[in-house]
Amino acid sequence: MDFDFDAFDEAQMRSKASMKWSTSPVANTPAQALESASGHWIAEMDYGTAPVVKRAIEQAVEQEFFGYLPPHLARRTAEALEFFERERFGFSLDPTCVSLASSVLDGFCAMLQGLLKPGSTVIVPTPAYMPFLTLPQLHGHRVHQVPGQIVRGRWQLDFEALEAAAHSGDLLVLCNPWNPTGRVLEREELERVGEIAQRHDLLVFADEIHAGLVPQPRRHVPYLSVDPSFADHAVMAVAASKAFNVAGLHCAQMIVGRGKLAGRWEQARQYLHPAAPLGAIAAIAAYREGGEWLDAVNAYVDENLTVVDEFLAGRAMSWARPEGTYMGFIDASALGSECPAQDFVRAGILVNDGKACGAGFEQFVRFNVATGRSVLRRSLERFPQPRA
């Protein structure tokens, strides 16, 4: 089946008035600037969703399926996730080890509330997805940032710094694929994370919400698939929301194996908010039947990454090309600006300010490439230029 992702142009996206296209993440953006700006910030795609997902939602709406989530639907969601993880990543999980929640961040908050003592230390590799830096503090915990770095063209975790932080840490956030860098961690790297966690009795929150967004030939490795003993310390969080563009339907899945953590998680899961029935219906259709559409999305986004990569080659701004997700982290320090994100907004391009992703990344911007090719090329043409 052919999917026409080129059909999504600026006029069509602007008419939808989605958050991505109608709101700026940069404070004090003039309203008139939004009228012609292109959306490249919040983590959603401009491609709608898979036709099988759309049909499932339409059928549920026709049946007025608007009540609370019934147990049988939660069970079917867990079984569909087991199918998806096994077929796509070779990971066999027990569906009875799956808890549904409203979002991946909901699962993170359940760990912060239910598994940590007050005043605990949460280790966050940076650059990071912004709420990982703010939510721990709202729950009375400290955040220890561990900056990564680009080595031979790839973002790398600083394992020596992670080891040092683990001596006084309680929970490590592991985002893989890594938002905002787009890095896809390899099995050997995940083994090192697990070894550190085991040596220091460290909990791990494995955020794998972008797992489906890894183009061939790379392959995502689920954290809990690396070593059975990792079930003793990890909660793995997944959702169809990013890969199938249904974040607003609120249905995520927390996976906790049959390890030592299982009993503690039974108490912590009381902090989870219920998933939405329409989100569960969408997830089932996505996991069971959405693979062909997802493969097409990955191929198209990968081509978009090539377009950006070729555009940046030889220019003042740069990035380490993402290996997964549709987000990239652009080094805009050559602009000579205190806030490069503001320069982008003035140029009509809505991006995230790198400062929100961690200390030391003030000169970066987070850029979303999941749009139509014509939109992407027009935005690249409007990129701000270094000041004379």
Protein backbone atom coordinates (compact mmCIF):
# COMPACT_ATOMS: atom_id res chain seq x y z
CA MET A 1 0.00 0.00 0.00
CA ASP A 2 1.26 3.47 -0.89
CA PHE A 3 1.04 6.31 1.65
CA ASP A 4 1.34 9.88 0.38
CA PHE A 5 3.19 11.77 3.10
CA ASP A 6 4.08 14.51 0.61
CA ALA A 7 0.43 15.56 0.65
CA PHE A 8 0.76 17.18 4.06
CA ASP A 9 1.58 20.80 3.24
CA GLU A 10 1.63 23.97 5.31
CA ALA A 11 -1.87 25.11 4.40
CA GLN A 12 -3.36 21.79 5.45
CA MET A 13 -1.45 21.64 8.71
CA ARG A 14 -2.17 25.24 9.62
CA SER A 15 -5.90 24.73 9.01
CA LYS A 16 -5.95 22.00 11.67
CA ALA A 17 -4.65 24.49 14.26
CA SER A 18 -2.93 21.74 16.23
CA MET A 19 -0.74 22.70 19.17
CA LYS A 20 2.34 22.06 17.04
CA TRP A 21 1.23 24.62 14.45
CA SER A 22 -0.71 27.17 16.49
CA THR A 23 1.41 27.58 19.63
CA SER A 24 5.00 28.62 20.22
CA PRO A 25 7.26 27.05 22.86
CA VAL A 26 9.24 30.29 23.02
CA ALA A 27 7.87 32.91 25.41
CA ASN A 28 6.53 36.21 24.08
CA THR A 29 6.17 35.05 20.49
CA PRO A 30 3.96 37.66 18.73
CA ALA A 31 0.59 36.28 17.65
CA GLN A 32 1.12 37.48 14.09
CA ALA A 33 4.32 35.45 13.87
CA LEU A 34 2.31 32.26 14.36
CA GLU A 35 0.18 32.98 11.31
CA SER A 36 2.99 32.02 8.95
CA ALA A 37 5.28 29.92 11.16
CA SER A 38 5.87 26.21 10.57
CA GLY A 39 5.62 23.72 13.43
CA HIS A 40 8.81 21.81 14.23
CA TRP A 41 8.76 21.55 18.01
CA ILE A 42 6.32 19.32 19.91
CA ALA A 43 6.82 15.58 19.40
CA GLU A 44 4.03 14.70 17.03
CA MET A 45 3.96 14.01 13.31
CA ASP A 46 2.06 15.76 10.54
CA TYR A 47 1.00 12.49 8.90
CA GLY A 48 -2.22 11.67 10.71
CA THR A 49 -2.25 8.05 11.83
CA ALA A 50 -2.30 4.62 10.23
CA PRO A 51 -5.52 3.93 8.27
CA VAL A 52 -6.18 0.82 10.39
CA VAL A 53 -5.97 2.94 13.53
CA LYS A 54 -8.27 5.58 12.10
CA ARG A 55 -10.85 2.93 11.17
CA ALA A 56 -10.74 1.41 14.64
CA ILE A 57 -11.32 4.81 16.25
CA GLU A 58 -14.13 5.66 13.83
CA GLN A 59 -15.85 2.37 14.62
CA ALA A 60 -15.56 3.04 18.35
CA VAL A 61 -17.01 6.53 17.91
CA GLU A 62 -19.87 5.10 15.85
CA GLN A 63 -20.58 2.72 18.74
CA GLU A 64 -20.31 5.64 21.19
CA PHE A 65 -17.68 3.77 23.16
CA PHE A 66 -17.02 6.65 25.54
CA GLY A 67 -17.21 4.99 28.97
CA TYR A 68 -14.55 3.76 31.36
CA LEU A 69 -11.86 1.28 30.37
CA PRO A 70 -13.18 -2.31 30.80
CA PRO A 71 -10.74 -5.02 31.98
CA HIS A 72 -11.10 -7.02 28.78
CA LEU A 73 -9.88 -4.06 26.72
CA ALA A 74 -6.88 -3.57 28.99
CA ARG A 75 -6.06 -7.26 28.60
CA ARG A 76 -6.34 -7.08 24.81
CA THR A 77 -4.03 -4.04 24.79
CA ALA A 78 -1.38 -5.92 26.75
CA GLU A 79 -1.68 -8.89 24.39
CA ALA A 80 -1.36 -6.62 21.35
CA LEU A 81 1.75 -5.04 22.87
CA GLU A 82 3.24 -8.51 23.39
CA PHE A 83 2.64 -9.21 19.68
CA PHE A 84 4.25 -5.92 18.61
CA GLU A 85 7.32 -6.29 20.83
CA ARG A 86 7.87 -9.87 19.73
CA GLU A 87 7.33 -9.27 16.02
CA ARG A 88 9.24 -6.00 15.80
CA PHE A 89 12.02 -6.39 18.37
CA GLY A 90 12.15 -10.11 19.17
CA PHE A 91 11.19 -9.44 22.79
CA SER A 92 8.78 -11.89 24.41
CA LEU A 93 7.03 -10.38 27.41
CA ASP A 94 4.33 -11.64 29.72
CA PRO A 95 1.11 -9.66 29.07
CA THR A 96 0.17 -10.02 32.73
CA CYS A 97 3.25 -7.89 33.56
CA VAL A 98 1.76 -4.90 31.71
CA SER A 99 0.02 -2.02 33.48
CA LEU A 100 -1.93 0.55 31.48
CA ALA A 101 -1.57 4.26 32.24
CA SER A 102 -2.61 7.55 30.71
CA SER A 103 0.92 8.36 29.55
CA VAL A 104 4.57 7.38 29.82
CA LEU A 105 5.13 10.34 32.13
CA ASP A 106 2.33 8.98 34.31
CA GLY A 107 4.45 5.88 34.83
CA PHE A 108 7.47 8.02 35.62
CA CYS A 109 5.50 9.91 38.25
CA ALA A 110 4.30 6.63 39.76
CA MET A 111 7.95 5.68 40.27
CA LEU A 112 8.73 9.08 41.76
CA GLN A 113 5.79 8.82 44.16
CA GLY A 114 5.62 5.13 44.91
CA LEU A 115 9.17 3.78 44.69
CA LEU A 116 11.40 6.59 45.96
CA LYS A 117 11.86 8.03 49.41
CA PRO A 118 11.44 11.82 49.74
CA GLY A 119 14.56 13.72 48.76
CA SER A 120 15.92 10.97 46.51
CA THR A 121 18.31 11.68 43.62
CA VAL A 122 17.19 11.13 40.04
CA ILE A 123 20.00 10.81 37.50
CA VAL A 124 19.12 12.25 34.11
CA PRO A 125 21.46 12.00 31.11
CA THR A 126 21.26 15.20 29.10
CA PRO A 127 20.21 16.57 26.75
CA ALA A 128 16.91 15.23 28.02
CA TYR A 129 13.22 15.27 27.31
CA MET A 130 12.25 18.33 29.28
CA PRO A 131 9.83 16.87 31.91
CA PHE A 132 12.50 14.45 33.12
CA LEU A 133 14.30 17.48 34.50
CA THR A 134 11.29 19.17 36.08
CA LEU A 135 8.98 16.43 37.38
CA PRO A 136 11.37 14.95 39.98
CA GLN A 137 11.65 18.32 41.69
CA LEU A 138 7.87 18.67 41.80
CA HIS A 139 7.80 15.37 43.69
CA GLY A 140 10.43 16.50 46.19
CA HIS A 141 13.50 14.87 44.62
CA ARG A 142 16.86 16.15 43.39
CA VAL A 143 18.00 15.97 39.78
CA HIS A 144 21.59 15.07 38.92
CA GLN A 145 22.28 15.93 35.29
CA VAL A 146 24.91 13.90 33.44
CA PRO A 147 25.69 15.59 30.11
CA GLY A 148 26.38 13.44 27.08
CA GLN A 149 28.67 14.40 24.27
CA ILE A 150 29.13 13.87 20.55
CA VAL A 151 31.96 11.41 19.82
CA ARG A 152 32.84 10.64 16.20
CA GLY A 153 29.51 11.97 15.03
CA ARG A 154 27.28 10.14 17.54
CA TRP A 155 25.83 11.20 20.87
CA GLN A 156 27.29 9.10 23.67
CA LEU A 157 26.36 8.54 27.29
CA ASP A 158 29.14 9.46 29.71
CA PHE A 159 29.44 6.12 31.52
CA GLU A 160 32.17 7.27 33.89
CA ALA A 161 30.00 10.17 35.05
CA LEU A 162 26.97 7.88 35.31
CA GLU A 163 28.98 5.48 37.48
CA ALA A 164 30.07 8.33 39.73
CA ALA A 165 26.52 9.67 40.02
CA ALA A 166 25.16 6.21 40.80
CA HIS A 167 27.04 6.15 44.13
CA SER A 168 24.49 8.61 45.54
CA GLY A 169 21.67 8.11 43.05
CA ASP A 170 18.35 6.32 43.43
CA LEU A 171 16.78 6.33 39.97
CA LEU A 172 18.25 6.60 36.49
CA VAL A 173 16.21 7.84 33.53
CA LEU A 174 17.11 5.95 30.37
CA CYS A 175 15.49 7.39 27.23
CA ASN A 176 16.04 5.07 24.25
CA PRO A 177 15.69 6.03 21.47
CA TRP A 178 17.14 9.15 23.03
CA ASN A 179 14.96 12.24 22.76
CA PRO A 180 16.12 14.88 21.73
CA THR A 181 19.31 13.53 20.14
CA GLY A 182 17.72 10.70 18.16
CA ARG A 183 20.47 8.29 19.24
CA VAL A 184 19.53 4.57 19.28
CA LEU A 185 21.51 2.83 22.01
CA GLU A 186 23.16 -0.51 21.25
CA ARG A 187 22.96 -3.67 23.32
CA GLU A 188 26.47 -3.22 24.73
CA GLU A 189 25.55 0.24 26.00
CA LEU A 190 22.37 -1.06 27.62
CA GLU A 191 24.41 -3.81 29.28
CA ARG A 192 26.69 -1.17 30.79
CA VAL A 193 23.68 0.76 32.10
CA GLY A 194 22.31 -2.42 33.66
CA GLU A 195 25.63 -3.27 35.25
CA ILE A 196 25.83 0.18 36.83
CA ALA A 197 22.26 -0.13 38.10
CA GLN A 198 22.93 -3.53 39.62
CA ARG A 199 26.19 -2.49 41.28
CA HIS A 200 24.59 0.52 42.95
CA ASP A 201 21.06 -0.76 43.61
CA LEU A 202 19.72 1.83 41.19
CA LEU A 203 16.21 1.86 39.77
CA VAL A 204 15.87 2.49 36.04
CA PHE A 205 12.97 4.12 34.24
CA ALA A 206 13.37 2.97 30.63
CA ASP A 207 11.41 5.34 28.41
CA GLU A 208 10.96 3.60 25.05
CA ILE A 209 8.10 5.68 23.70
CA HIS A 210 9.97 6.25 20.40
CA ALA A 211 10.92 2.57 20.00
CA GLY A 212 8.89 2.07 16.83
CA LEU A 213 10.59 5.00 15.11
CA VAL A 214 13.86 3.35 14.14
CA PRO A 215 14.46 2.93 10.40
CA GLN A 216 16.26 -0.07 8.97
CA PRO A 217 18.94 -1.31 9.19
CA ARG A 218 19.11 -0.18 12.82
CA ARG A 219 17.08 -2.10 15.37
CA HIS A 220 15.74 -1.03 18.72
CA VAL A 221 16.73 -3.22 21.68
CA PRO A 222 14.20 -3.22 24.56
CA TYR A 223 15.96 -2.73 27.89
CA LEU A 224 14.24 -5.66 29.60
CA SER A 225 15.25 -7.97 26.75
CA VAL A 226 18.98 -7.51 27.41
CA ASP A 227 19.22 -9.55 30.61
CA PRO A 228 16.48 -11.25 32.69
CA SER A 229 18.03 -9.80 35.84
CA PHE A 230 17.18 -6.26 34.68
CA ALA A 231 13.59 -6.99 35.77
CA ASP A 232 14.86 -6.59 39.32
CA HIS A 233 15.34 -2.85 38.90
CA ALA A 234 13.55 -1.51 35.80
CA VAL A 235 10.18 -0.20 34.71
CA MET A 236 9.95 -0.09 30.90
CA ALA A 237 7.48 2.44 29.51
CA VAL A 238 6.06 2.22 25.99
CA ALA A 239 3.13 3.57 23.99
CA ALA A 240 1.76 3.75 20.47
CA SER A 241 1.53 7.51 20.87
CA LYS A 242 4.68 8.61 19.03
CA ALA A 243 5.04 5.90 16.40
CA PHE A 244 1.36 6.07 15.44
CA ASN A 245 0.71 9.73 16.25
CA VAL A 246 -2.07 9.25 18.81
CA ALA A 247 -0.63 10.99 21.87
CA GLY A 248 -3.91 12.78 22.58
CA LEU A 249 -5.71 9.45 23.12
CA HIS A 250 -3.78 8.73 26.34
CA CYS A 251 -2.84 5.08 26.57
CA ALA A 252 0.64 3.97 27.63
CA GLN A 253 1.92 0.66 28.94
CA MET A 254 4.31 0.01 31.83
CA ILE A 255 6.18 -3.30 31.74
CA VAL A 256 7.56 -4.71 35.00
CA GLY A 257 8.92 -8.25 34.84
CA ARG A 258 8.78 -11.05 37.38
CA GLY A 259 11.87 -9.78 39.20
CA LYS A 260 12.38 -8.31 42.67
CA LEU A 261 10.70 -5.06 41.67
CA ALA A 262 7.32 -6.65 40.93
CA GLY A 263 6.00 -6.55 44.48
CA ARG A 264 7.01 -2.93 45.02
CA TRP A 265 5.46 -1.97 41.69
CA GLU A 266 2.10 -3.39 42.78
CA GLN A 267 2.03 -0.65 45.41
CA ALA A 268 3.38 2.08 43.14
CA ARG A 269 0.94 1.41 40.30
CA GLN A 270 -1.87 2.81 42.46
CA TYR A 271 -0.55 6.23 41.40
CA LEU A 272 -1.22 5.53 37.71
CA HIS A 273 -4.10 7.34 36.06
CA PRO A 274 -6.38 5.17 33.92
CA ALA A 275 -5.81 4.86 30.21
CA ALA A 276 -8.51 6.11 27.86
CA PRO A 277 -10.63 3.46 26.08
CA LEU A 278 -10.20 5.10 22.67
CA GLY A 279 -6.45 5.10 23.25
CA ALA A 280 -6.52 1.39 24.05
CA ILE A 281 -8.53 0.69 20.89
CA ALA A 282 -6.05 2.72 18.85
CA ALA A 283 -3.08 0.91 20.44
CA ILE A 284 -4.53 -2.52 19.69
CA ALA A 285 -5.05 -1.66 16.01
CA ALA A 286 -1.61 -0.06 15.79
CA TYR A 287 0.25 -2.94 17.40
CA ARG A 288 -1.65 -5.65 15.54
CA GLU A 289 -2.02 -4.16 12.07
CA GLY A 290 -0.08 -0.90 11.75
CA GLY A 291 3.32 -2.27 10.80
CA GLU A 292 3.17 -1.51 7.08
CA TRP A 293 2.25 2.13 7.69
CA LEU A 294 4.95 2.47 10.36
CA ASP A 295 7.58 1.08 8.00
CA ALA A 296 6.55 3.68 5.41
CA VAL A 297 6.75 6.47 8.00
CA ASN A 298 10.23 5.38 9.05
CA ALA A 299 11.45 5.32 5.46
CA TYR A 300 9.99 8.77 4.76
CA VAL A 301 11.35 10.32 7.96
CA ASP A 302 14.75 8.80 7.23
CA GLU A 303 14.72 10.57 3.85
CA ASN A 304 13.79 13.81 5.64
CA LEU A 305 16.79 13.33 7.93
CA THR A 306 18.96 13.01 4.85
CA VAL A 307 17.53 16.27 3.50
CA VAL A 308 18.44 18.07 6.74
CA ASP A 309 21.82 16.34 6.91
CA GLU A 310 22.71 17.50 3.39
CA PHE A 311 21.45 21.00 4.13
CA LEU A 312 23.60 21.36 7.25
CA ALA A 313 26.73 19.93 5.64
CA GLY A 314 29.27 22.70 5.31
CA ARG A 315 27.09 25.24 7.12
CA ALA A 316 27.75 26.94 10.42
CA MET A 317 25.06 24.99 12.29
CA SER A 318 25.42 21.23 12.77
CA TRP A 319 23.93 18.13 14.32
CA ALA A 320 24.74 14.49 14.93
CA ARG A 321 22.30 12.86 12.56
CA PRO A 322 19.49 11.11 14.49
CA GLU A 323 19.41 7.31 14.23
CA GLY A 324 15.80 7.05 15.38
CA THR A 325 12.82 9.20 16.37
CA TYR A 326 11.97 12.24 14.26
CA MET A 327 13.66 14.72 16.57
CA GLY A 328 17.11 16.20 16.09
CA PHE A 329 19.28 18.42 18.28
CA ILE A 330 20.89 21.20 16.28
CA ASP A 331 23.94 23.09 17.52
CA ALA A 332 23.12 26.70 16.66
CA SER A 333 25.95 28.35 18.59
CA ALA A 334 27.30 29.80 15.34
CA LEU A 335 24.34 32.19 15.30
CA GLY A 336 25.97 34.13 18.11
CA SER A 337 22.64 34.50 19.88
CA GLU A 338 21.77 34.28 23.56
CA CYS A 339 18.67 32.29 22.61
CA PRO A 340 18.87 30.63 19.18
CA ALA A 341 15.29 29.37 19.49
CA GLN A 342 14.11 32.98 19.36
CA ASP A 343 16.06 33.48 16.14
CA PHE A 344 14.31 30.47 14.65
CA VAL A 345 10.89 31.73 15.70
CA ARG A 346 11.63 35.13 14.18
CA ALA A 347 12.48 33.27 10.97
CA GLY A 348 9.09 31.51 11.09
CA ILE A 349 10.24 28.15 12.48
CA LEU A 350 8.84 26.91 15.79
CA VAL A 351 11.48 24.90 17.70
CA ASN A 352 12.29 23.99 21.30
CA ASP A 353 14.91 25.91 23.24
CA GLY A 354 17.86 23.65 24.06
CA LYS A 355 18.16 25.25 27.49
CA ALA A 356 15.08 23.30 28.58
CA CYS A 357 16.89 20.05 27.74
CA GLY A 358 19.66 20.56 30.27
CA ALA A 359 22.43 22.82 31.50
CA GLY A 360 25.05 23.54 28.88
CA PHE A 361 22.75 23.13 25.91
CA GLU A 362 21.56 26.72 25.70
CA GLN A 363 22.93 27.05 22.16
CA PHE A 364 20.96 24.09 20.80
CA VAL A 365 17.44 23.78 19.41
CA ARG A 366 15.25 20.69 19.17
CA PHE A 367 13.93 20.27 15.63
CA ASN A 368 11.12 17.95 14.47
CA VAL A 369 11.46 16.62 10.89
CA ALA A 370 8.20 14.62 10.79
CA THR A 371 6.42 16.75 8.23
CA GLY A 372 5.86 16.86 4.48
CA ARG A 373 8.94 17.26 2.33
CA SER A 374 7.79 20.63 0.94
CA VAL A 375 7.26 21.97 4.46
CA LEU A 376 10.68 20.77 5.53
CA ARG A 377 12.49 22.30 2.55
CA ARG A 378 10.74 25.64 2.99
CA SER A 379 11.69 25.71 6.68
CA LEU A 380 15.31 24.92 5.88
CA GLU A 381 15.39 27.80 3.44
CA ARG A 382 14.29 30.10 6.27
CA PHE A 383 16.91 28.94 8.78
CA PRO A 384 18.46 31.97 10.53
CA GLN A 385 21.93 33.02 9.49
CA PRO A 386 24.94 33.82 11.71
CA ARG A 387 25.18 37.45 12.69
CA ALA A 388 27.82 39.49 10.95
